[in-house]
Amino acid sequence: MHEFKLPAMSCGHCVQAVTEAAHEVDPQAKVEVDLGGKQARVESSQPRERFVQALKEAGYTPA
């Protein structure tokens, strides 16, 4: 399980964008996004760094 703090998340569109970015890395990943807590949890066997890069490219740099 990878956990990311994403301070740039502020709306439902952000949740969708973060989920889509994670699924680009691993289409089978289980993604849980907590908008209020500004964090995301991704269950996947893919390396954390791949998700960090995908999130950055989507505009949500993990803190």
Protein backbone atom coordinates (compact mmCIF):
# COMPACT_ATOMS: atom_id res chain seq x y z
CA MET A 1 0.00 0.00 0.00
CA HIS A 2 1.38 3.38 -1.03
CA GLU A 3 0.14 6.53 0.74
CA PHE A 4 0.46 10.02 -0.67
CA LYS A 5 -0.32 13.44 0.82
CA LEU A 6 -1.61 15.63 -2.00
CA PRO A 7 -2.07 19.23 -0.80
CA ALA A 8 -3.15 20.46 -4.27
CA MET A 9 -6.37 18.39 -4.23
CA SER A 10 -9.43 20.57 -3.73
CA CYS A 11 -12.42 19.17 -5.65
CA GLY A 12 -14.12 16.18 -7.21
CA HIS A 13 -12.23 16.69 -10.45
CA CYS A 14 -8.99 16.35 -8.49
CA VAL A 15 -10.17 13.01 -7.10
CA GLN A 16 -10.91 11.79 -10.62
CA ALA A 17 -7.56 13.03 -11.97
CA VAL A 18 -5.60 11.36 -9.15
CA THR A 19 -7.50 8.10 -9.63
CA GLU A 20 -6.88 8.16 -13.38
CA ALA A 21 -3.17 8.90 -12.88
CA ALA A 22 -2.84 5.89 -10.58
CA HIS A 23 -4.71 3.67 -13.02
CA GLU A 24 -2.38 4.74 -15.84
CA VAL A 25 0.45 3.13 -13.86
CA ASP A 26 -1.56 0.07 -12.83
CA PRO A 27 -5.06 -0.43 -14.26
CA GLN A 28 -5.74 -3.06 -11.56
CA ALA A 29 -4.70 -0.81 -8.64
CA LYS A 30 -7.14 -0.23 -5.80
CA VAL A 31 -7.28 3.54 -5.29
CA GLU A 32 -8.82 5.30 -2.29
CA VAL A 33 -8.86 9.10 -2.29
CA ASP A 34 -9.69 11.17 0.80
CA LEU A 35 -10.43 14.67 -0.48
CA GLY A 36 -10.93 16.14 3.00
CA GLY A 37 -7.65 14.67 4.22
CA LYS A 38 -5.93 15.53 0.93
CA GLN A 39 -4.43 12.08 0.61
CA ALA A 40 -4.59 9.00 -1.55
CA ARG A 41 -3.87 5.34 -0.89
CA VAL A 42 -2.94 3.01 -3.72
CA GLU A 43 -2.78 -0.75 -3.39
CA SER A 44 -0.50 -2.06 -6.12
CA SER A 45 2.64 -4.10 -6.66
CA GLN A 46 4.09 -1.34 -8.85
CA PRO A 47 6.95 0.74 -7.36
CA ARG A 48 5.99 3.87 -5.43
CA GLU A 49 8.17 6.06 -7.67
CA ARG A 50 6.02 5.25 -10.72
CA PHE A 51 2.97 6.61 -8.90
CA VAL A 52 4.88 9.68 -7.69
CA GLN A 53 5.85 10.48 -11.29
CA ALA A 54 2.30 9.94 -12.60
CA LEU A 55 0.84 12.16 -9.87
CA LYS A 56 3.39 14.90 -10.61
CA GLU A 57 2.54 14.75 -14.31
CA ALA A 58 -1.15 15.11 -13.42
CA GLY A 59 -0.34 18.24 -11.36
CA TYR A 60 -0.52 16.71 -7.88
CA THR A 61 2.99 16.58 -6.45
CA PRO A 62 3.04 14.46 -3.27
CA ALA A 63 4.19 16.35 -0.17
